[in-house]
Amino acid sequence: MTGVFDNELSTAGVPIELIASMCRSARRVRLADRAVLYAQGEPANALFLILDGFVKSSRICEDGTEITIELLKYGDIAGAFPNRQLPSEHEETARAIGDVVVQRVLAHELRAAMEVNPRLAVFVAEYLARSKRSAERRVLRSISQSVDRQVIETLVELAGSIGVRCPHGFSLEIRLTQQDIADLVGASRPVVSSILSGFASAAS
């Protein structure tokens, strides 16, 4: 997973054609806004390489509330990597934000291809390393920074990955709710709403 977003990936490094040549199940799939890639609790037998657009993963809690876990972009991989010892199922739901294009491949085929192709193995290893660093940053922020600071750093990450220049600074290419931002920060929506209102007042 990538936490929020990570800017370390070069677009030239995504092995789209290599996966297509080595995995017979590889298919390019177009998804409409809010289309589900996979649902929480379903068998985790496929992986999805994001080629265009954005994907949000979320989890339904015991009380029925939905929590945004992460946002995925070009070059990220949605889905659970196979475990030979234990059958796996998706722990979250992945849904398209706007129109999305993915490369869908069976997880066991991708694993087999990784075992014989160093370039593919390195790509996945580097992706997992980025995911680990991003998750560690989120944990460190949650235990060492104020919520205000966490909101600022989350917004900066979003602006750097999916922001476009506008007269007032940056505008995000996807629509996120205050609840989405609160989930990514790990705070309550009322608290994040108050912080965002404070930022807006200070800027006016």
N, C-alpha and C. Protein backbone atom coordinates (compact mmCIF):
# COMPACT_ATOMS: atom_id res chain seq x y z
N MET A 1 0.84 -1.18 0.00
CA MET A 1 0.00 0.00 0.00
C MET A 1 0.88 1.24 0.00
N THR A 2 0.30 2.37 -0.44
CA THR A 2 1.06 3.59 -0.51
C THR A 2 0.65 4.63 0.51
N GLY A 3 -0.22 4.31 1.40
CA GLY A 3 -0.66 5.30 2.37
C GLY A 3 -1.50 6.35 1.70
N VAL A 4 -0.96 7.53 1.43
CA VAL A 4 -1.67 8.53 0.65
C VAL A 4 -1.13 8.44 -0.77
N PHE A 5 -0.05 9.14 -1.05
CA PHE A 5 0.58 9.03 -2.36
C PHE A 5 2.08 9.08 -2.17
N ASP A 6 2.81 8.61 -3.15
CA ASP A 6 4.26 8.63 -3.08
C ASP A 6 4.77 9.06 -4.45
N ASN A 7 5.74 9.99 -4.47
CA ASN A 7 6.21 10.56 -5.73
C ASN A 7 7.48 9.91 -6.26
N GLU A 8 7.93 8.81 -5.67
CA GLU A 8 9.23 8.25 -6.03
C GLU A 8 9.21 7.43 -7.32
N LEU A 9 8.04 7.13 -7.87
CA LEU A 9 7.96 6.22 -9.01
C LEU A 9 8.13 6.97 -10.33
N SER A 10 9.05 6.51 -11.16
CA SER A 10 9.18 7.03 -12.51
C SER A 10 8.18 6.32 -13.41
N THR A 11 7.47 7.07 -14.25
CA THR A 11 6.46 6.45 -15.10
C THR A 11 7.09 5.48 -16.09
N ALA A 12 8.39 5.66 -16.37
CA ALA A 12 9.05 4.75 -17.31
C ALA A 12 9.31 3.39 -16.68
N GLY A 13 9.15 3.29 -15.35
CA GLY A 13 9.50 2.06 -14.67
C GLY A 13 8.37 1.07 -14.52
N VAL A 14 7.17 1.38 -15.01
CA VAL A 14 6.04 0.48 -14.85
C VAL A 14 6.06 -0.55 -15.98
N PRO A 15 6.25 -1.84 -15.66
CA PRO A 15 6.45 -2.87 -16.70
C PRO A 15 5.14 -3.41 -17.27
N ILE A 16 4.38 -2.56 -17.92
CA ILE A 16 3.06 -2.94 -18.42
C ILE A 16 3.19 -4.05 -19.47
N GLU A 17 4.04 -3.85 -20.46
CA GLU A 17 4.18 -4.82 -21.54
C GLU A 17 4.82 -6.11 -21.04
N LEU A 18 5.74 -5.99 -20.10
CA LEU A 18 6.38 -7.18 -19.54
C LEU A 18 5.35 -8.07 -18.85
N ILE A 19 4.48 -7.47 -18.05
CA ILE A 19 3.44 -8.25 -17.38
C ILE A 19 2.52 -8.89 -18.40
N ALA A 20 2.16 -8.13 -19.43
CA ALA A 20 1.26 -8.66 -20.46
C ALA A 20 1.88 -9.85 -21.18
N SER A 21 3.21 -9.81 -21.38
CA SER A 21 3.87 -10.89 -22.12
C SER A 21 4.10 -12.14 -21.25
N MET A 22 4.18 -11.96 -19.95
CA MET A 22 4.50 -13.09 -19.07
C MET A 22 3.28 -13.69 -18.37
N CYS A 23 2.19 -12.94 -18.31
CA CYS A 23 1.00 -13.40 -17.60
C CYS A 23 -0.16 -13.51 -18.58
N ARG A 24 -0.59 -14.71 -18.87
CA ARG A 24 -1.63 -14.93 -19.87
C ARG A 24 -2.96 -14.32 -19.46
N SER A 25 -3.16 -14.15 -18.17
CA SER A 25 -4.43 -13.59 -17.71
C SER A 25 -4.47 -12.06 -17.76
N ALA A 26 -3.34 -11.41 -18.05
CA ALA A 26 -3.28 -9.95 -18.00
C ALA A 26 -4.24 -9.33 -19.00
N ARG A 27 -5.08 -8.44 -18.51
CA ARG A 27 -6.06 -7.74 -19.34
C ARG A 27 -6.14 -6.29 -18.94
N ARG A 28 -6.26 -5.41 -19.92
CA ARG A 28 -6.48 -3.99 -19.64
C ARG A 28 -7.99 -3.78 -19.48
N VAL A 29 -8.38 -3.19 -18.36
CA VAL A 29 -9.79 -3.03 -18.04
C VAL A 29 -10.08 -1.56 -17.77
N ARG A 30 -11.16 -1.06 -18.38
CA ARG A 30 -11.62 0.31 -18.12
C ARG A 30 -12.77 0.28 -17.13
N LEU A 31 -12.73 1.16 -16.15
CA LEU A 31 -13.74 1.20 -15.10
C LEU A 31 -14.35 2.59 -15.02
N ALA A 32 -15.66 2.62 -14.87
CA ALA A 32 -16.36 3.90 -14.72
C ALA A 32 -16.25 4.38 -13.27
N ASP A 33 -16.59 5.63 -13.06
CA ASP A 33 -16.56 6.22 -11.73
C ASP A 33 -17.35 5.37 -10.73
N ARG A 34 -16.74 5.09 -9.59
CA ARG A 34 -17.31 4.34 -8.47
C ARG A 34 -17.45 2.84 -8.75
N ALA A 35 -16.92 2.36 -9.88
CA ALA A 35 -16.93 0.92 -10.14
C ALA A 35 -16.02 0.21 -9.13
N VAL A 36 -16.43 -0.98 -8.71
CA VAL A 36 -15.68 -1.73 -7.69
C VAL A 36 -14.68 -2.67 -8.36
N LEU A 37 -13.41 -2.56 -7.99
CA LEU A 37 -12.40 -3.50 -8.46
C LEU A 37 -12.53 -4.82 -7.72
N TYR A 38 -12.68 -4.75 -6.41
CA TYR A 38 -12.92 -5.92 -5.57
C TYR A 38 -13.56 -5.43 -4.28
N ALA A 39 -14.24 -6.34 -3.58
CA ALA A 39 -14.97 -5.98 -2.37
C ALA A 39 -14.38 -6.68 -1.16
N GLN A 40 -14.52 -6.05 -0.02
CA GLN A 40 -14.06 -6.61 1.25
C GLN A 40 -14.68 -7.98 1.48
N GLY A 41 -13.83 -8.96 1.79
CA GLY A 41 -14.30 -10.31 2.05
C GLY A 41 -14.24 -11.24 0.86
N GLU A 42 -14.07 -10.69 -0.36
CA GLU A 42 -13.97 -11.54 -1.55
C GLU A 42 -12.61 -12.23 -1.59
N PRO A 43 -12.52 -13.40 -2.25
CA PRO A 43 -11.22 -14.06 -2.41
C PRO A 43 -10.23 -13.16 -3.14
N ALA A 44 -9.01 -13.10 -2.63
CA ALA A 44 -7.99 -12.23 -3.23
C ALA A 44 -7.18 -13.02 -4.24
N ASN A 45 -7.72 -13.16 -5.45
CA ASN A 45 -7.04 -13.95 -6.47
C ASN A 45 -6.54 -13.12 -7.65
N ALA A 46 -6.74 -11.80 -7.62
CA ALA A 46 -6.29 -10.95 -8.72
C ALA A 46 -5.66 -9.67 -8.17
N LEU A 47 -4.73 -9.12 -8.95
CA LEU A 47 -4.09 -7.85 -8.64
C LEU A 47 -4.39 -6.86 -9.76
N PHE A 48 -4.35 -5.58 -9.42
CA PHE A 48 -4.72 -4.54 -10.37
C PHE A 48 -3.63 -3.46 -10.39
N LEU A 49 -2.93 -3.34 -11.52
CA LEU A 49 -1.92 -2.30 -11.70
C LEU A 49 -2.63 -1.06 -12.26
N ILE A 50 -2.54 0.06 -11.54
CA ILE A 50 -3.24 1.27 -11.96
C ILE A 50 -2.47 1.90 -13.13
N LEU A 51 -3.16 2.06 -14.27
CA LEU A 51 -2.55 2.65 -15.46
C LEU A 51 -3.00 4.09 -15.70
N ASP A 52 -4.21 4.41 -15.25
CA ASP A 52 -4.72 5.78 -15.43
C ASP A 52 -5.84 6.00 -14.42
N GLY A 53 -5.88 7.19 -13.84
CA GLY A 53 -6.93 7.51 -12.89
C GLY A 53 -6.52 7.18 -11.46
N PHE A 54 -7.52 7.16 -10.58
CA PHE A 54 -7.26 6.99 -9.15
C PHE A 54 -8.24 5.99 -8.55
N VAL A 55 -7.77 5.26 -7.57
CA VAL A 55 -8.57 4.23 -6.90
C VAL A 55 -8.52 4.48 -5.40
N LYS A 56 -9.67 4.39 -4.75
CA LYS A 56 -9.74 4.54 -3.29
C LYS A 56 -10.04 3.20 -2.66
N SER A 57 -9.27 2.84 -1.65
CA SER A 57 -9.58 1.62 -0.90
C SER A 57 -10.16 2.03 0.45
N SER A 58 -11.18 1.31 0.88
CA SER A 58 -11.85 1.63 2.14
C SER A 58 -12.27 0.34 2.84
N ARG A 59 -12.52 0.45 4.12
CA ARG A 59 -12.89 -0.70 4.92
C ARG A 59 -14.16 -0.40 5.71
N ILE A 60 -15.06 -1.39 5.74
CA ILE A 60 -16.28 -1.27 6.53
C ILE A 60 -16.00 -1.80 7.93
N CYS A 61 -16.22 -0.97 8.94
CA CYS A 61 -15.97 -1.37 10.32
C CYS A 61 -17.16 -2.13 10.89
N GLU A 62 -16.99 -2.66 12.08
CA GLU A 62 -18.05 -3.46 12.71
C GLU A 62 -19.32 -2.65 12.93
N ASP A 63 -19.18 -1.34 13.16
CA ASP A 63 -20.37 -0.52 13.39
C ASP A 63 -21.00 -0.01 12.10
N GLY A 64 -20.46 -0.45 10.95
CA GLY A 64 -21.04 -0.09 9.67
C GLY A 64 -20.44 1.14 9.01
N THR A 65 -19.57 1.85 9.71
CA THR A 65 -18.95 3.04 9.12
C THR A 65 -17.87 2.63 8.12
N GLU A 66 -17.67 3.46 7.12
CA GLU A 66 -16.67 3.21 6.08
C GLU A 66 -15.48 4.13 6.30
N ILE A 67 -14.27 3.57 6.30
CA ILE A 67 -13.06 4.35 6.53
C ILE A 67 -12.18 4.29 5.28
N THR A 68 -11.77 5.44 4.77
CA THR A 68 -10.83 5.49 3.66
C THR A 68 -9.44 5.10 4.16
N ILE A 69 -8.84 4.10 3.51
CA ILE A 69 -7.54 3.61 3.94
C ILE A 69 -6.42 4.24 3.12
N GLU A 70 -6.57 4.26 1.81
CA GLU A 70 -5.51 4.79 0.96
C GLU A 70 -6.07 5.20 -0.39
N LEU A 71 -5.26 5.97 -1.10
CA LEU A 71 -5.57 6.40 -2.46
C LEU A 71 -4.45 5.91 -3.36
N LEU A 72 -4.81 5.28 -4.46
CA LEU A 72 -3.83 4.69 -5.37
C LEU A 72 -3.83 5.44 -6.69
N LYS A 73 -2.65 5.55 -7.29
CA LYS A 73 -2.50 6.27 -8.55
C LYS A 73 -1.72 5.41 -9.53
N TYR A 74 -1.30 6.03 -10.64
CA TYR A 74 -0.55 5.34 -11.69
C TYR A 74 0.67 4.62 -11.10
N GLY A 75 0.82 3.34 -11.45
CA GLY A 75 1.97 2.56 -11.00
C GLY A 75 1.76 1.84 -9.69
N ASP A 76 0.68 2.16 -8.98
CA ASP A 76 0.39 1.45 -7.73
C ASP A 76 -0.35 0.15 -8.03
N ILE A 77 -0.33 -0.76 -7.09
CA ILE A 77 -0.95 -2.08 -7.25
C ILE A 77 -2.04 -2.24 -6.19
N ALA A 78 -3.26 -2.48 -6.64
CA ALA A 78 -4.38 -2.73 -5.74
C ALA A 78 -4.59 -4.23 -5.59
N GLY A 79 -4.82 -4.67 -4.36
CA GLY A 79 -5.06 -6.08 -4.12
C GLY A 79 -4.04 -6.68 -3.19
N ALA A 80 -4.34 -7.89 -2.73
CA ALA A 80 -3.47 -8.60 -1.78
C ALA A 80 -2.54 -9.56 -2.52
N PHE A 81 -1.25 -9.51 -2.21
CA PHE A 81 -0.31 -10.43 -2.82
C PHE A 81 -0.53 -11.84 -2.26
N PRO A 82 -0.36 -12.87 -3.10
CA PRO A 82 -0.71 -14.23 -2.69
C PRO A 82 0.20 -14.77 -1.60
N ASN A 83 -0.40 -15.56 -0.74
CA ASN A 83 0.32 -16.26 0.33
C ASN A 83 0.12 -17.75 0.11
N ARG A 84 1.21 -18.46 -0.12
CA ARG A 84 1.10 -19.88 -0.44
C ARG A 84 0.60 -20.71 0.73
N GLN A 85 0.85 -20.22 1.95
CA GLN A 85 0.47 -21.00 3.12
C GLN A 85 -1.01 -20.83 3.49
N LEU A 86 -1.53 -19.64 3.27
CA LEU A 86 -2.89 -19.35 3.72
C LEU A 86 -3.73 -18.77 2.59
N PRO A 87 -4.98 -19.19 2.46
CA PRO A 87 -5.87 -18.55 1.50
C PRO A 87 -6.13 -17.12 1.95
N SER A 88 -6.17 -16.19 1.03
CA SER A 88 -6.33 -14.79 1.41
C SER A 88 -7.62 -14.23 0.84
N GLU A 89 -8.12 -13.23 1.54
CA GLU A 89 -9.29 -12.51 1.06
C GLU A 89 -9.02 -11.02 1.23
N HIS A 90 -9.75 -10.23 0.45
CA HIS A 90 -9.54 -8.79 0.51
C HIS A 90 -10.04 -8.24 1.83
N GLU A 91 -9.20 -7.43 2.47
CA GLU A 91 -9.56 -6.83 3.74
C GLU A 91 -10.20 -5.46 3.56
N GLU A 92 -10.30 -5.01 2.31
CA GLU A 92 -10.89 -3.72 2.03
C GLU A 92 -11.59 -3.76 0.68
N THR A 93 -12.31 -2.71 0.35
CA THR A 93 -12.95 -2.55 -0.96
C THR A 93 -12.20 -1.50 -1.75
N ALA A 94 -11.94 -1.78 -3.03
CA ALA A 94 -11.27 -0.82 -3.91
C ALA A 94 -12.27 -0.32 -4.93
N ARG A 95 -12.36 1.00 -5.05
CA ARG A 95 -13.37 1.61 -5.92
C ARG A 95 -12.74 2.72 -6.75
N ALA A 96 -13.15 2.82 -8.02
CA ALA A 96 -12.62 3.84 -8.92
C ALA A 96 -13.11 5.23 -8.51
N ILE A 97 -12.20 6.20 -8.61
CA ILE A 97 -12.57 7.61 -8.45
C ILE A 97 -12.47 8.23 -9.83
N GLY A 98 -13.60 8.47 -10.46
CA GLY A 98 -13.59 8.89 -11.86
C GLY A 98 -13.31 7.70 -12.76
N ASP A 99 -13.03 7.97 -14.03
CA ASP A 99 -12.71 6.89 -14.97
C ASP A 99 -11.30 6.37 -14.69
N VAL A 100 -11.16 5.05 -14.69
CA VAL A 100 -9.90 4.42 -14.33
C VAL A 100 -9.57 3.33 -15.33
N VAL A 101 -8.28 3.15 -15.63
CA VAL A 101 -7.79 2.04 -16.45
C VAL A 101 -6.80 1.24 -15.61
N VAL A 102 -7.00 -0.07 -15.56
CA VAL A 102 -6.10 -0.94 -14.80
C VAL A 102 -5.66 -2.11 -15.67
N GLN A 103 -4.56 -2.72 -15.28
CA GLN A 103 -4.14 -3.99 -15.85
C GLN A 103 -4.44 -5.06 -14.81
N ARG A 104 -5.40 -5.93 -15.10
CA ARG A 104 -5.79 -6.98 -14.16
C ARG A 104 -5.02 -8.25 -14.47
N VAL A 105 -4.48 -8.88 -13.44
CA VAL A 105 -3.70 -10.10 -13.63
C VAL A 105 -3.96 -11.02 -12.44
N LEU A 106 -4.02 -12.32 -12.70
CA LEU A 106 -4.17 -13.28 -11.61
C LEU A 106 -2.93 -13.24 -10.72
N ALA A 107 -3.15 -13.23 -9.42
CA ALA A 107 -2.06 -13.04 -8.48
C ALA A 107 -1.01 -14.16 -8.57
N HIS A 108 -1.46 -15.40 -8.75
CA HIS A 108 -0.49 -16.50 -8.79
C HIS A 108 0.37 -16.43 -10.05
N GLU A 109 -0.18 -15.90 -11.15
CA GLU A 109 0.61 -15.75 -12.37
C GLU A 109 1.68 -14.67 -12.20
N LEU A 110 1.31 -13.56 -11.55
CA LEU A 110 2.28 -12.50 -11.33
C LEU A 110 3.40 -12.99 -10.42
N ARG A 111 3.04 -13.75 -9.40
CA ARG A 111 4.06 -14.30 -8.49
C ARG A 111 5.01 -15.21 -9.25
N ALA A 112 4.48 -16.07 -10.11
CA ALA A 112 5.32 -16.98 -10.88
C ALA A 112 6.25 -16.20 -11.82
N ALA A 113 5.73 -15.13 -12.41
CA ALA A 113 6.55 -14.31 -13.31
C ALA A 113 7.66 -13.61 -12.55
N MET A 114 7.36 -13.17 -11.34
CA MET A 114 8.38 -12.52 -10.51
C MET A 114 9.52 -13.47 -10.18
N GLU A 115 9.22 -14.76 -10.05
CA GLU A 115 10.25 -15.72 -9.66
C GLU A 115 11.27 -15.96 -10.77
N VAL A 116 10.93 -15.62 -12.01
CA VAL A 116 11.85 -15.88 -13.12
C VAL A 116 12.32 -14.60 -13.82
N ASN A 117 11.74 -13.44 -13.45
CA ASN A 117 12.13 -12.20 -14.12
C ASN A 117 12.58 -11.16 -13.08
N PRO A 118 13.88 -10.88 -13.03
CA PRO A 118 14.39 -9.95 -12.03
C PRO A 118 13.78 -8.55 -12.14
N ARG A 119 13.56 -8.05 -13.36
CA ARG A 119 13.03 -6.70 -13.51
C ARG A 119 11.65 -6.59 -12.86
N LEU A 120 10.82 -7.58 -13.08
CA LEU A 120 9.48 -7.57 -12.50
C LEU A 120 9.56 -7.71 -10.98
N ALA A 121 10.44 -8.58 -10.51
CA ALA A 121 10.60 -8.76 -9.06
C ALA A 121 11.07 -7.47 -8.40
N VAL A 122 11.99 -6.76 -9.04
CA VAL A 122 12.50 -5.51 -8.49
C VAL A 122 11.39 -4.45 -8.47
N PHE A 123 10.59 -4.40 -9.53
CA PHE A 123 9.48 -3.43 -9.58
C PHE A 123 8.54 -3.64 -8.40
N VAL A 124 8.14 -4.87 -8.17
CA VAL A 124 7.21 -5.16 -7.07
C VAL A 124 7.88 -4.91 -5.72
N ALA A 125 9.15 -5.30 -5.58
CA ALA A 125 9.86 -5.07 -4.33
C ALA A 125 9.97 -3.58 -4.02
N GLU A 126 10.27 -2.78 -5.04
CA GLU A 126 10.37 -1.34 -4.83
C GLU A 126 9.00 -0.74 -4.47
N TYR A 127 7.96 -1.25 -5.10
CA TYR A 127 6.61 -0.78 -4.76
C TYR A 127 6.28 -1.10 -3.30
N LEU A 128 6.56 -2.32 -2.87
CA LEU A 128 6.28 -2.71 -1.49
C LEU A 128 7.13 -1.91 -0.50
N ALA A 129 8.36 -1.58 -0.89
CA ALA A 129 9.21 -0.77 -0.02
C ALA A 129 8.65 0.64 0.12
N ARG A 130 8.16 1.22 -0.99
CA ARG A 130 7.53 2.54 -0.91
C ARG A 130 6.30 2.49 -0.01
N SER A 131 5.53 1.42 -0.15
CA SER A 131 4.33 1.27 0.67
C SER A 131 4.68 1.21 2.15
N LYS A 132 5.72 0.46 2.47
CA LYS A 132 6.16 0.34 3.86
C LYS A 132 6.61 1.69 4.41
N ARG A 133 7.40 2.43 3.62
CA ARG A 133 7.86 3.75 4.08
C ARG A 133 6.68 4.69 4.29
N SER A 134 5.73 4.66 3.38
CA SER A 134 4.57 5.54 3.50
C SER A 134 3.75 5.21 4.74
N ALA A 135 3.54 3.91 4.98
CA ALA A 135 2.80 3.50 6.18
C ALA A 135 3.54 3.92 7.45
N GLU A 136 4.86 3.78 7.45
CA GLU A 136 5.65 4.18 8.62
C GLU A 136 5.54 5.68 8.85
N ARG A 137 5.55 6.48 7.77
CA ARG A 137 5.42 7.93 7.92
C ARG A 137 4.08 8.29 8.55
N ARG A 138 3.02 7.62 8.12
CA ARG A 138 1.70 7.91 8.68
C ARG A 138 1.65 7.57 10.16
N VAL A 139 2.24 6.45 10.54
CA VAL A 139 2.24 6.07 11.96
C VAL A 139 3.05 7.08 12.77
N LEU A 140 4.23 7.46 12.28
CA LEU A 140 5.06 8.42 13.00
C LEU A 140 4.36 9.77 13.14
N ARG A 141 3.67 10.19 12.08
CA ARG A 141 2.93 11.45 12.17
C ARG A 141 1.86 11.38 13.24
N SER A 142 1.17 10.24 13.29
CA SER A 142 0.04 10.11 14.22
C SER A 142 0.48 10.15 15.68
N ILE A 143 1.73 9.74 15.96
CA ILE A 143 2.17 9.69 17.36
C ILE A 143 3.10 10.84 17.72
N SER A 144 3.52 11.63 16.73
CA SER A 144 4.51 12.67 17.04
C SER A 144 4.09 14.07 16.62
N GLN A 145 2.96 14.22 15.90
CA GLN A 145 2.57 15.53 15.41
C GLN A 145 1.15 15.88 15.84
N SER A 146 0.88 17.17 15.89
CA SER A 146 -0.47 17.63 16.15
C SER A 146 -1.35 17.30 14.95
N VAL A 147 -2.66 17.28 15.17
CA VAL A 147 -3.56 17.00 14.06
C VAL A 147 -3.44 18.07 12.99
N ASP A 148 -3.26 19.34 13.41
CA ASP A 148 -3.08 20.41 12.43
C ASP A 148 -1.93 20.11 11.49
N ARG A 149 -0.81 19.69 12.07
CA ARG A 149 0.37 19.39 11.26
C ARG A 149 0.13 18.19 10.37
N GLN A 150 -0.57 17.18 10.87
CA GLN A 150 -0.87 16.00 10.06
C GLN A 150 -1.73 16.37 8.87
N VAL A 151 -2.70 17.24 9.08
CA VAL A 151 -3.56 17.69 7.97
C VAL A 151 -2.73 18.42 6.93
N ILE A 152 -1.84 19.30 7.38
CA ILE A 152 -0.99 20.05 6.45
C ILE A 152 -0.15 19.11 5.61
N GLU A 153 0.52 18.15 6.25
CA GLU A 153 1.41 17.25 5.51
C GLU A 153 0.62 16.34 4.56
N THR A 154 -0.58 15.93 4.96
CA THR A 154 -1.41 15.12 4.06
C THR A 154 -1.81 15.92 2.84
N LEU A 155 -2.21 17.18 3.04
CA LEU A 155 -2.60 18.03 1.92
C LEU A 155 -1.41 18.32 1.00
N VAL A 156 -0.24 18.49 1.58
CA VAL A 156 0.97 18.72 0.77
C VAL A 156 1.26 17.50 -0.09
N GLU A 157 1.13 16.29 0.48
CA GLU A 157 1.36 15.06 -0.29
C GLU A 157 0.34 14.96 -1.43
N LEU A 158 -0.91 15.27 -1.14
CA LEU A 158 -1.94 15.20 -2.16
C LEU A 158 -1.67 16.21 -3.28
N ALA A 159 -1.28 17.43 -2.89
CA ALA A 159 -1.00 18.46 -3.89
C ALA A 159 0.18 18.07 -4.77
N GLY A 160 1.19 17.45 -4.17
CA GLY A 160 2.35 17.05 -4.94
C GLY A 160 2.08 15.92 -5.91
N SER A 161 1.08 15.10 -5.62
CA SER A 161 0.80 13.93 -6.45
C SER A 161 -0.33 14.16 -7.44
N ILE A 162 -1.40 14.82 -6.99
CA ILE A 162 -2.57 14.97 -7.87
C ILE A 162 -3.01 16.43 -7.98
N GLY A 163 -2.13 17.34 -7.60
CA GLY A 163 -2.49 18.75 -7.67
C GLY A 163 -2.10 19.39 -8.99
N VAL A 164 -2.88 20.37 -9.41
CA VAL A 164 -2.56 21.18 -10.58
C VAL A 164 -2.53 22.64 -10.14
N ARG A 165 -1.66 23.41 -10.76
CA ARG A 165 -1.53 24.81 -10.41
C ARG A 165 -2.82 25.57 -10.70
N CYS A 166 -3.17 26.48 -9.80
CA CYS A 166 -4.30 27.36 -10.01
C CYS A 166 -3.93 28.72 -9.44
N PRO A 167 -4.75 29.76 -9.67
CA PRO A 167 -4.39 31.11 -9.18
C PRO A 167 -4.15 31.18 -7.68
N HIS A 168 -4.76 30.27 -6.91
CA HIS A 168 -4.64 30.33 -5.45
C HIS A 168 -3.65 29.30 -4.90
N GLY A 169 -2.94 28.59 -5.79
CA GLY A 169 -1.98 27.59 -5.34
C GLY A 169 -2.12 26.30 -6.09
N PHE A 170 -2.82 25.31 -5.50
CA PHE A 170 -3.03 24.01 -6.13
C PHE A 170 -4.49 23.62 -6.01
N SER A 171 -4.94 22.90 -7.02
CA SER A 171 -6.28 22.31 -7.01
C SER A 171 -6.14 20.81 -7.24
N LEU A 172 -6.84 19.99 -6.44
CA LEU A 172 -6.75 18.55 -6.58
C LEU A 172 -7.55 18.06 -7.78
N GLU A 173 -7.01 17.06 -8.48
CA GLU A 173 -7.66 16.53 -9.67
C GLU A 173 -8.84 15.63 -9.35
N ILE A 174 -8.96 15.19 -8.11
CA ILE A 174 -10.08 14.35 -7.71
C ILE A 174 -10.81 15.00 -6.55
N ARG A 175 -12.08 14.68 -6.43
CA ARG A 175 -12.88 15.25 -5.36
C ARG A 175 -12.81 14.37 -4.12
N LEU A 176 -12.33 14.95 -3.03
CA LEU A 176 -12.25 14.24 -1.76
C LEU A 176 -13.15 14.94 -0.74
N THR A 177 -13.81 14.17 0.08
CA THR A 177 -14.64 14.73 1.13
C THR A 177 -13.78 15.03 2.36
N GLN A 178 -14.33 15.83 3.26
CA GLN A 178 -13.62 16.06 4.52
C GLN A 178 -13.45 14.76 5.29
N GLN A 179 -14.42 13.85 5.14
CA GLN A 179 -14.29 12.55 5.80
C GLN A 179 -13.12 11.75 5.23
N ASP A 180 -12.92 11.82 3.89
CA ASP A 180 -11.77 11.14 3.28
C ASP A 180 -10.47 11.65 3.89
N ILE A 181 -10.34 12.97 3.98
CA ILE A 181 -9.12 13.56 4.53
C ILE A 181 -8.95 13.17 5.99
N ALA A 182 -10.05 13.20 6.74
CA ALA A 182 -10.00 12.82 8.14
C ALA A 182 -9.53 11.37 8.29
N ASP A 183 -10.04 10.48 7.44
CA ASP A 183 -9.63 9.08 7.50
C ASP A 183 -8.15 8.92 7.21
N LEU A 184 -7.65 9.65 6.21
CA LEU A 184 -6.24 9.55 5.85
C LEU A 184 -5.34 10.08 6.97
N VAL A 185 -5.84 11.09 7.67
CA VAL A 185 -5.07 11.66 8.78
C VAL A 185 -5.19 10.80 10.02
N GLY A 186 -6.36 10.17 10.19
CA GLY A 186 -6.61 9.39 11.39
C GLY A 186 -7.26 10.21 12.48
N ALA A 187 -8.07 11.20 12.07
CA ALA A 187 -8.75 12.08 13.02
C ALA A 187 -10.24 12.07 12.71
N SER A 188 -11.02 12.72 13.57
CA SER A 188 -12.46 12.79 13.34
C SER A 188 -12.78 13.87 12.32
N ARG A 189 -13.91 13.71 11.63
CA ARG A 189 -14.29 14.70 10.62
C ARG A 189 -14.52 16.08 11.22
N PRO A 190 -15.22 16.22 12.37
CA PRO A 190 -15.41 17.56 12.93
C PRO A 190 -14.10 18.29 13.22
N VAL A 191 -13.12 17.54 13.73
CA VAL A 191 -11.82 18.16 14.03
C VAL A 191 -11.14 18.64 12.75
N VAL A 192 -11.12 17.78 11.72
CA VAL A 192 -10.48 18.15 10.45
C VAL A 192 -11.26 19.29 9.79
N SER A 193 -12.58 19.27 9.88
CA SER A 193 -13.39 20.34 9.31
C SER A 193 -13.05 21.67 9.94
N SER A 194 -12.88 21.67 11.27
CA SER A 194 -12.51 22.90 11.97
C SER A 194 -11.14 23.40 11.54
N ILE A 195 -10.20 22.47 11.38
CA ILE A 195 -8.85 22.85 10.95
C ILE A 195 -8.87 23.44 9.55
N LEU A 196 -9.59 22.79 8.64
CA LEU A 196 -9.67 23.29 7.26
C LEU A 196 -10.34 24.66 7.21
N SER A 197 -11.36 24.86 8.04
CA SER A 197 -12.03 26.18 8.09
C SER A 197 -11.06 27.23 8.59
N GLY A 198 -10.22 26.84 9.56
CA GLY A 198 -9.21 27.77 10.06
C GLY A 198 -8.20 28.14 8.99
N PHE A 199 -7.79 27.16 8.19
CA PHE A 199 -6.86 27.45 7.09
C PHE A 199 -7.49 28.43 6.11
N ALA A 200 -8.78 28.18 5.77
CA ALA A 200 -9.47 29.04 4.81
C ALA A 200 -9.60 30.46 5.34
N SER A 201 -9.89 30.61 6.63
CA SER A 201 -10.03 31.94 7.23
C SER A 201 -8.69 32.67 7.22
N ALA A 202 -7.63 31.93 7.53
CA ALA A 202 -6.29 32.56 7.56
C ALA A 202 -5.84 33.01 6.17
N ALA A 203 -6.32 32.28 5.14
CA ALA A 203 -5.90 32.61 3.77
C ALA A 203 -6.71 33.76 3.18
N SER A 204 -7.88 34.04 3.74
CA SER A 204 -8.75 35.09 3.17
C SER A 204 -8.38 36.47 3.70
